[in-house]
Amino acid sequence: MFAFICSISFGQNRVEAEKIVDEGVNYHDKGDYEGAIAKYDKALELDKDNLLALAEKAISLLYLEKYEESIICCQKAIATHPGETELKIVYVTYGNASDALKKTDQSIEVYDEGIQLFPDFFLLYYNKGVSLSSVKKDDEALLCFQKAVMLHPTHASSHNAIARVSNTHNKRIPALLAYCTFLSIEPQTYRAKENLASVLKIMKANVEETGEKTVTINISSDMLGDTTASGKSKENCFASTEFFLSMAAAMDYDKKNKKKTEVEKFIGKFEMLCASLSESKKDNSGFFWDFYVPFFIEMNDKNFIETFAYIAFASTDYPDVAKWLKAHQSETDRFFEWVKSFVWETN
């Protein structure tokens, strides 16, 4: 009977503690991290090893830049609740705190431990990629970001990371595909504005106006082909697509196109890009061809290019963009529904 009464008491304590944790989360969401921690501590007085309280306290400590204390909370949560599903976010917090202390090797070990336990949790791969990228291990980081988007295809930050790593290494078309996917998901933030600028730069990177009636197209050897010894295209080779995009960019300087708006010019180039991707898909392979290209081929097939273009420019102050978006709400709604329901290649 005594054991039964104790069990009821502990259960009641846990329920009450988690109500207080909810109050703490509200404080955290309002930016009052000290107030949140006070609530979590109160919950832990009721239930000393409460997992939710430990997990949330670790996050608030992280936001307060009290990294060592955050790590202690994470370690306690892991030690007292082995195997619990809620630990997956604890491993993310633990890794973040370690990374903030410049203990990158430790953060990667933490993420790897978390991945062993929770192999389908995308944030562990994404954050491991961030740590790897911080120490210039970009090839390994890219693989982590790719795994993250395969697990969660609408995670904007993973697309953002893939785009930026690819762009850093002059992989223009892979970067363009990831940037544009990001803009399909998150079109109006400060990151969207930065990423649109990168997209526009990539789309005319090989073309410059060198005279009143002269346009120069810089064609590198890579754009003429990139094959293996057997004559097959290398993985993630976009040589022909980059070539056709450069040709399309040169048309911006044609007299008949000079009066077009930036969005209208973008639409023309993007339609040519998608047509090139569709034509070349069967002869190419690699993550970017398998994961990203079908998205843009279907976007073109469903006549969403114009809608996407105006959505992609939503972070600008062009009056024609605001006017179009206001007049075409139903089209933008359909576009976002399509993005949400698109079936990604995740194998």
Protein backbone atom coordinates (compact mmCIF):
# COMPACT_ATOMS: atom_id res chain seq x y z
CA MET A 1 0.00 0.00 0.00
CA PHE A 2 2.85 2.40 0.87
CA ALA A 3 4.47 1.82 -2.55
CA PHE A 4 1.12 2.47 -4.27
CA ILE A 5 0.64 5.76 -2.39
CA CYS A 6 4.21 6.83 -3.26
CA SER A 7 3.57 6.03 -6.92
CA ILE A 8 0.47 8.24 -6.94
CA SER A 9 2.40 11.03 -5.20
CA PHE A 10 5.29 10.91 -7.67
CA GLY A 11 2.84 10.92 -10.58
CA GLN A 12 1.06 13.97 -9.17
CA ASN A 13 4.39 15.73 -8.68
CA ARG A 14 5.32 15.08 -12.29
CA VAL A 15 2.01 16.43 -13.58
CA GLU A 16 2.30 19.56 -11.43
CA ALA A 17 5.95 20.02 -12.43
CA GLU A 18 5.10 19.88 -16.13
CA LYS A 19 2.38 22.50 -15.68
CA ILE A 20 5.04 24.78 -14.22
CA VAL A 21 7.35 23.92 -17.12
CA ASP A 22 4.65 25.15 -19.51
CA GLU A 23 4.63 28.44 -17.62
CA GLY A 24 8.40 28.60 -17.99
CA VAL A 25 8.16 28.03 -21.73
CA ASN A 26 5.84 31.03 -21.99
CA TYR A 27 8.43 33.16 -20.21
CA HIS A 28 11.15 31.87 -22.55
CA ASP A 29 9.07 32.62 -25.65
CA LYS A 30 8.72 36.22 -24.43
CA GLY A 31 12.49 36.51 -24.04
CA ASP A 32 12.49 36.37 -20.23
CA TYR A 33 15.02 33.56 -19.88
CA GLU A 34 15.79 34.22 -16.22
CA GLY A 35 12.07 34.06 -15.41
CA ALA A 36 11.80 30.84 -17.37
CA ILE A 37 14.68 29.26 -15.46
CA ALA A 38 13.07 30.22 -12.15
CA LYS A 39 9.96 28.28 -13.22
CA TYR A 40 12.01 25.27 -14.31
CA ASP A 41 13.85 25.25 -10.99
CA LYS A 42 10.49 25.30 -9.19
CA ALA A 43 9.37 22.33 -11.28
CA LEU A 44 12.58 20.49 -10.41
CA GLU A 45 11.90 21.05 -6.71
CA LEU A 46 8.70 19.04 -7.20
CA ASP A 47 10.22 16.43 -9.49
CA LYS A 48 14.03 16.58 -9.23
CA ASP A 49 14.84 14.74 -12.49
CA ASN A 50 11.93 15.97 -14.59
CA LEU A 51 13.07 15.58 -18.20
CA LEU A 52 11.03 18.43 -19.65
CA ALA A 53 12.25 20.84 -16.98
CA LEU A 54 15.88 19.84 -17.54
CA ALA A 55 15.54 20.07 -21.32
CA GLU A 56 13.87 23.49 -21.27
CA LYS A 57 16.23 24.85 -18.61
CA ALA A 58 19.18 23.81 -20.77
CA ILE A 59 17.72 25.76 -23.71
CA SER A 60 17.13 28.93 -21.66
CA LEU A 61 20.67 28.70 -20.25
CA LEU A 62 21.94 28.38 -23.82
CA TYR A 63 20.10 31.59 -24.78
CA LEU A 64 21.67 33.31 -21.76
CA GLU A 65 25.09 32.13 -23.01
CA LYS A 66 25.58 30.12 -19.81
CA TYR A 67 26.97 27.27 -21.82
CA GLU A 68 28.66 25.26 -19.09
CA GLU A 69 25.47 25.26 -16.99
CA SER A 70 23.45 24.27 -20.04
CA ILE A 71 25.76 21.31 -20.63
CA ILE A 72 25.38 20.18 -17.00
CA CYS A 73 21.58 20.15 -17.43
CA CYS A 74 21.89 18.16 -20.64
CA GLN A 75 24.24 15.62 -19.07
CA LYS A 76 21.87 15.15 -16.14
CA ALA A 77 18.90 14.66 -18.47
CA ILE A 78 20.80 12.06 -20.52
CA ALA A 79 22.03 10.23 -17.40
CA THR A 80 18.62 10.08 -15.69
CA HIS A 81 16.42 9.35 -18.73
CA PRO A 82 18.29 6.90 -21.01
CA GLY A 83 16.42 6.11 -24.20
CA GLU A 84 13.66 8.71 -23.78
CA THR A 85 12.48 10.23 -27.09
CA GLU A 86 12.55 13.76 -25.66
CA LEU A 87 16.33 13.48 -25.34
CA LYS A 88 16.78 14.17 -29.07
CA ILE A 89 16.42 17.92 -28.52
CA VAL A 90 18.67 17.67 -25.46
CA TYR A 91 21.46 16.37 -27.70
CA VAL A 92 20.93 19.35 -30.01
CA THR A 93 21.20 21.79 -27.07
CA TYR A 94 24.24 19.94 -25.70
CA GLY A 95 25.97 20.12 -29.08
CA ASN A 96 25.09 23.80 -29.54
CA ALA A 97 26.50 24.68 -26.11
CA SER A 98 29.70 22.75 -26.80
CA ASP A 99 30.07 24.47 -30.16
CA ALA A 100 29.56 27.88 -28.54
CA LEU A 101 32.47 27.06 -26.20
CA LYS A 102 34.60 26.36 -29.32
CA LYS A 103 34.68 22.69 -28.37
CA THR A 104 33.86 21.59 -31.91
CA ASP A 105 35.20 18.05 -31.54
CA GLN A 106 33.01 17.57 -28.47
CA SER A 107 29.95 18.99 -30.23
CA ILE A 108 30.41 16.60 -33.16
CA GLU A 109 30.76 13.66 -30.74
CA VAL A 110 27.53 14.75 -29.03
CA TYR A 111 25.65 14.97 -32.34
CA ASP A 112 27.00 11.57 -33.39
CA GLU A 113 25.82 10.06 -30.10
CA GLY A 114 22.41 11.60 -30.66
CA ILE A 115 22.29 10.35 -34.25
CA GLN A 116 23.04 6.83 -33.05
CA LEU A 117 19.97 7.03 -30.80
CA PHE A 118 17.72 9.12 -33.07
CA PRO A 119 18.82 8.51 -36.67
CA ASP A 120 15.68 10.15 -38.11
CA PHE A 121 15.96 13.49 -36.30
CA PHE A 122 16.95 16.08 -38.89
CA LEU A 123 18.18 18.75 -36.46
CA LEU A 124 21.03 16.54 -35.27
CA TYR A 125 22.38 16.30 -38.83
CA TYR A 126 21.81 20.00 -39.51
CA ASN A 127 23.62 21.11 -36.36
CA LYS A 128 26.44 18.65 -36.92
CA GLY A 129 26.81 20.21 -40.37
CA VAL A 130 27.03 23.68 -38.82
CA SER A 131 29.82 22.50 -36.52
CA LEU A 132 31.71 20.85 -39.37
CA SER A 133 31.34 23.93 -41.54
CA SER A 134 32.74 26.12 -38.75
CA VAL A 135 36.04 24.21 -39.00
CA LYS A 136 36.04 24.27 -42.82
CA LYS A 137 35.06 20.62 -43.25
CA ASP A 138 32.60 21.62 -45.95
CA ASP A 139 32.39 18.29 -47.78
CA GLU A 140 31.35 16.50 -44.59
CA ALA A 141 29.07 19.37 -43.62
CA LEU A 142 27.31 19.24 -46.98
CA LEU A 143 26.53 15.55 -46.49
CA CYS A 144 24.95 16.38 -43.12
CA PHE A 145 22.83 19.18 -44.58
CA GLN A 146 21.72 16.88 -47.39
CA LYS A 147 20.67 14.22 -44.89
CA ALA A 148 18.75 16.88 -42.93
CA VAL A 149 16.70 17.98 -45.98
CA MET A 150 15.99 14.39 -46.95
CA LEU A 151 14.53 13.85 -43.48
CA HIS A 152 12.74 17.23 -43.44
CA PRO A 153 12.44 18.63 -47.00
CA THR A 154 10.89 21.93 -45.94
CA HIS A 155 13.56 22.83 -43.38
CA ALA A 156 14.59 26.22 -44.78
CA SER A 157 17.83 26.48 -42.79
CA SER A 158 19.19 23.25 -44.28
CA HIS A 159 18.49 24.48 -47.83
CA ASN A 160 20.13 27.77 -46.86
CA ALA A 161 23.22 25.93 -45.63
CA ILE A 162 23.45 23.76 -48.75
CA ALA A 163 23.17 26.85 -50.95
CA ARG A 164 25.83 28.80 -49.11
CA VAL A 165 28.35 25.96 -48.95
CA SER A 166 27.81 25.22 -52.65
CA ASN A 167 28.14 28.89 -53.59
CA THR A 168 31.35 29.22 -51.57
CA HIS A 169 32.84 26.47 -53.73
CA ASN A 170 31.54 27.99 -57.00
CA LYS A 171 28.99 25.23 -57.55
CA ARG A 172 26.65 27.77 -59.08
CA ILE A 173 23.72 25.68 -60.28
CA PRO A 174 23.57 23.48 -57.14
CA ALA A 175 23.65 26.69 -55.07
CA LEU A 176 20.94 28.24 -57.25
CA LEU A 177 18.66 25.21 -56.83
CA ALA A 178 19.04 25.23 -53.04
CA TYR A 179 18.61 29.02 -52.80
CA CYS A 180 15.44 28.89 -54.89
CA THR A 181 14.02 26.03 -52.83
CA PHE A 182 14.69 28.12 -49.74
CA LEU A 183 12.80 31.04 -51.32
CA SER A 184 9.86 28.72 -51.99
CA ILE A 185 9.65 28.07 -48.26
CA GLU A 186 10.84 31.31 -46.64
CA PRO A 187 10.40 34.22 -49.07
CA GLN A 188 10.07 37.29 -46.85
CA THR A 189 12.79 37.22 -44.18
CA TYR A 190 16.16 38.97 -44.03
CA ARG A 191 17.72 35.68 -45.15
CA ALA A 192 15.39 35.65 -48.15
CA LYS A 193 16.59 39.11 -49.18
CA GLU A 194 20.23 38.02 -48.94
CA ASN A 195 19.57 34.79 -50.79
CA LEU A 196 17.67 36.49 -53.60
CA ALA A 197 20.67 38.76 -54.11
CA SER A 198 22.86 35.65 -54.39
CA VAL A 199 20.42 34.08 -56.87
CA LEU A 200 20.45 37.14 -59.11
CA LYS A 201 24.25 37.28 -58.98
CA ILE A 202 24.55 33.61 -59.94
CA MET A 203 22.09 34.00 -62.80
CA LYS A 204 24.28 36.60 -64.51
CA ALA A 205 27.68 35.58 -63.13
CA ASN A 206 29.16 34.73 -66.53
CA VAL A 207 27.75 37.71 -68.44
CA GLU A 208 28.74 41.37 -68.46
CA GLU A 209 28.00 44.39 -70.60
CA THR A 210 31.40 45.51 -71.92
CA GLY A 211 30.24 48.25 -74.27
CA GLU A 212 27.20 50.16 -75.45
CA LYS A 213 26.22 47.31 -77.75
CA THR A 214 28.60 44.62 -76.54
CA VAL A 215 27.96 41.75 -74.14
CA THR A 216 30.70 39.35 -73.07
CA ILE A 217 29.92 35.78 -72.03
CA ASN A 218 32.69 34.12 -70.05
CA ILE A 219 32.64 30.41 -70.83
CA SER A 220 34.89 28.29 -68.66
CA SER A 221 36.14 24.84 -69.64
CA ASP A 222 33.82 23.33 -66.99
CA MET A 223 30.80 24.67 -68.87
CA LEU A 224 31.82 22.72 -71.98
CA GLY A 225 31.54 19.41 -70.18
CA ASP A 226 32.64 17.56 -67.09
CA THR A 227 32.92 13.84 -67.67
CA THR A 228 34.60 10.78 -66.23
CA ALA A 229 37.20 8.73 -68.09
CA SER A 230 34.36 6.56 -69.44
CA GLY A 231 32.67 9.59 -71.00
CA LYS A 232 29.77 9.74 -68.52
CA SER A 233 28.84 12.95 -66.73
CA LYS A 234 30.26 13.31 -63.24
CA GLU A 235 27.82 13.37 -60.36
CA ASN A 236 26.14 16.73 -59.84
CA CYS A 237 27.52 18.09 -63.10
CA PHE A 238 25.49 21.02 -64.44
CA ALA A 239 27.82 22.16 -67.23
CA SER A 240 25.20 22.33 -69.98
CA THR A 241 22.64 23.98 -67.69
CA GLU A 242 25.11 26.69 -66.68
CA PHE A 243 25.94 27.26 -70.35
CA PHE A 244 22.27 27.70 -71.31
CA LEU A 245 21.67 29.94 -68.30
CA SER A 246 24.53 32.17 -69.45
CA MET A 247 22.98 32.38 -72.91
CA ALA A 248 19.65 33.34 -71.33
CA ALA A 249 21.33 35.96 -69.13
CA ALA A 250 22.91 37.57 -72.19
CA MET A 251 19.42 38.13 -73.59
CA ASP A 252 18.73 40.58 -70.74
CA TYR A 253 20.83 43.08 -72.64
CA ASP A 254 18.87 42.65 -75.86
CA LYS A 255 17.00 45.82 -76.84
CA LYS A 256 13.61 44.09 -76.70
CA ASN A 257 14.22 42.96 -73.10
CA LYS A 258 15.77 46.07 -71.59
CA LYS A 259 12.40 47.54 -70.65
CA LYS A 260 11.28 44.42 -68.83
CA THR A 261 11.11 44.44 -65.04
CA GLU A 262 13.63 42.46 -63.00
CA VAL A 263 10.98 39.84 -62.26
CA GLU A 264 10.06 39.46 -65.93
CA LYS A 265 13.73 38.98 -66.83
CA PHE A 266 14.05 36.45 -64.02
CA ILE A 267 11.05 34.50 -65.33
CA GLY A 268 12.56 34.22 -68.81
CA LYS A 269 15.87 32.95 -67.50
CA PHE A 270 14.26 30.59 -65.00
CA GLU A 271 12.04 29.02 -67.65
CA MET A 272 15.14 28.30 -69.75
CA LEU A 273 16.88 26.90 -66.68
CA CYS A 274 14.00 24.50 -65.97
CA ALA A 275 13.79 23.44 -69.62
CA SER A 276 17.51 22.63 -69.58
CA LEU A 277 17.16 20.65 -66.36
CA SER A 278 14.27 18.66 -67.80
CA GLU A 279 16.19 17.86 -70.99
CA SER A 280 19.36 16.84 -69.16
CA LYS A 281 17.87 14.94 -66.20
CA LYS A 282 18.03 11.46 -67.72
CA ASP A 283 21.77 11.69 -68.41
CA ASN A 284 22.85 12.97 -65.00
CA SER A 285 22.98 11.81 -61.41
CA GLY A 286 23.89 12.88 -57.91
CA PHE A 287 22.09 14.40 -54.94
CA PHE A 288 21.24 17.70 -56.62
CA TRP A 289 19.85 16.01 -59.72
CA ASP A 290 17.88 13.45 -57.73
CA PHE A 291 16.60 15.69 -54.93
CA TYR A 292 16.25 19.22 -56.28
CA VAL A 293 15.77 18.93 -60.04
CA PRO A 294 12.40 17.09 -59.96
CA PHE A 295 11.01 19.93 -57.82
CA PHE A 296 11.82 22.52 -60.47
CA ILE A 297 10.76 20.34 -63.40
CA GLU A 298 7.35 19.87 -61.77
CA MET A 299 7.19 23.58 -60.92
CA ASN A 300 7.62 24.31 -64.63
CA ASP A 301 5.19 21.59 -65.72
CA LYS A 302 2.51 23.01 -63.42
CA ASN A 303 3.06 26.55 -64.76
CA PHE A 304 4.17 27.86 -61.37
CA ILE A 305 7.27 29.72 -62.59
CA GLU A 306 5.63 33.14 -62.73
CA THR A 307 4.09 32.68 -59.28
CA PHE A 308 7.39 31.46 -57.85
CA ALA A 309 9.21 34.45 -59.34
CA TYR A 310 6.98 37.00 -57.64
CA ILE A 311 7.13 35.06 -54.37
CA ALA A 312 10.94 34.93 -54.63
CA PHE A 313 11.00 38.73 -55.02
CA ALA A 314 8.64 39.28 -52.06
CA SER A 315 11.49 40.61 -49.89
CA THR A 316 12.16 43.47 -52.34
CA ASP A 317 10.45 46.84 -52.46
CA TYR A 318 9.57 46.68 -56.16
CA PRO A 319 6.03 48.10 -56.50
CA ASP A 320 5.18 45.70 -59.35
CA VAL A 321 5.92 42.75 -57.04
CA ALA A 322 3.64 43.96 -54.24
CA LYS A 323 0.91 44.75 -56.77
CA TRP A 324 1.13 41.31 -58.40
CA LEU A 325 1.12 39.42 -55.10
CA LYS A 326 -1.91 41.36 -53.88
CA ALA A 327 -3.83 40.61 -57.08
CA HIS A 328 -2.89 36.91 -57.23
CA GLN A 329 -3.48 35.59 -53.72
CA SER A 330 -5.17 32.43 -54.99
CA GLU A 331 -2.17 31.58 -57.18
CA THR A 332 0.26 32.05 -54.30
CA ASP A 333 -1.95 29.90 -52.06
CA ARG A 334 -1.93 27.13 -54.66
CA PHE A 335 1.83 27.41 -54.99
CA PHE A 336 2.43 27.02 -51.25
CA GLU A 337 0.00 24.09 -51.12
CA TRP A 338 1.95 22.45 -53.92
CA VAL A 339 5.27 23.02 -52.10
CA LYS A 340 3.78 21.52 -48.94
CA SER A 341 2.50 18.42 -50.77
CA PHE A 342 5.43 17.86 -53.14
CA VAL A 343 6.87 14.33 -52.86
CA TRP A 344 10.64 14.60 -52.48
CA GLU A 345 13.16 11.91 -53.36
CA THR A 346 14.52 10.88 -49.96
CA ASN A 347 16.27 7.60 -50.65
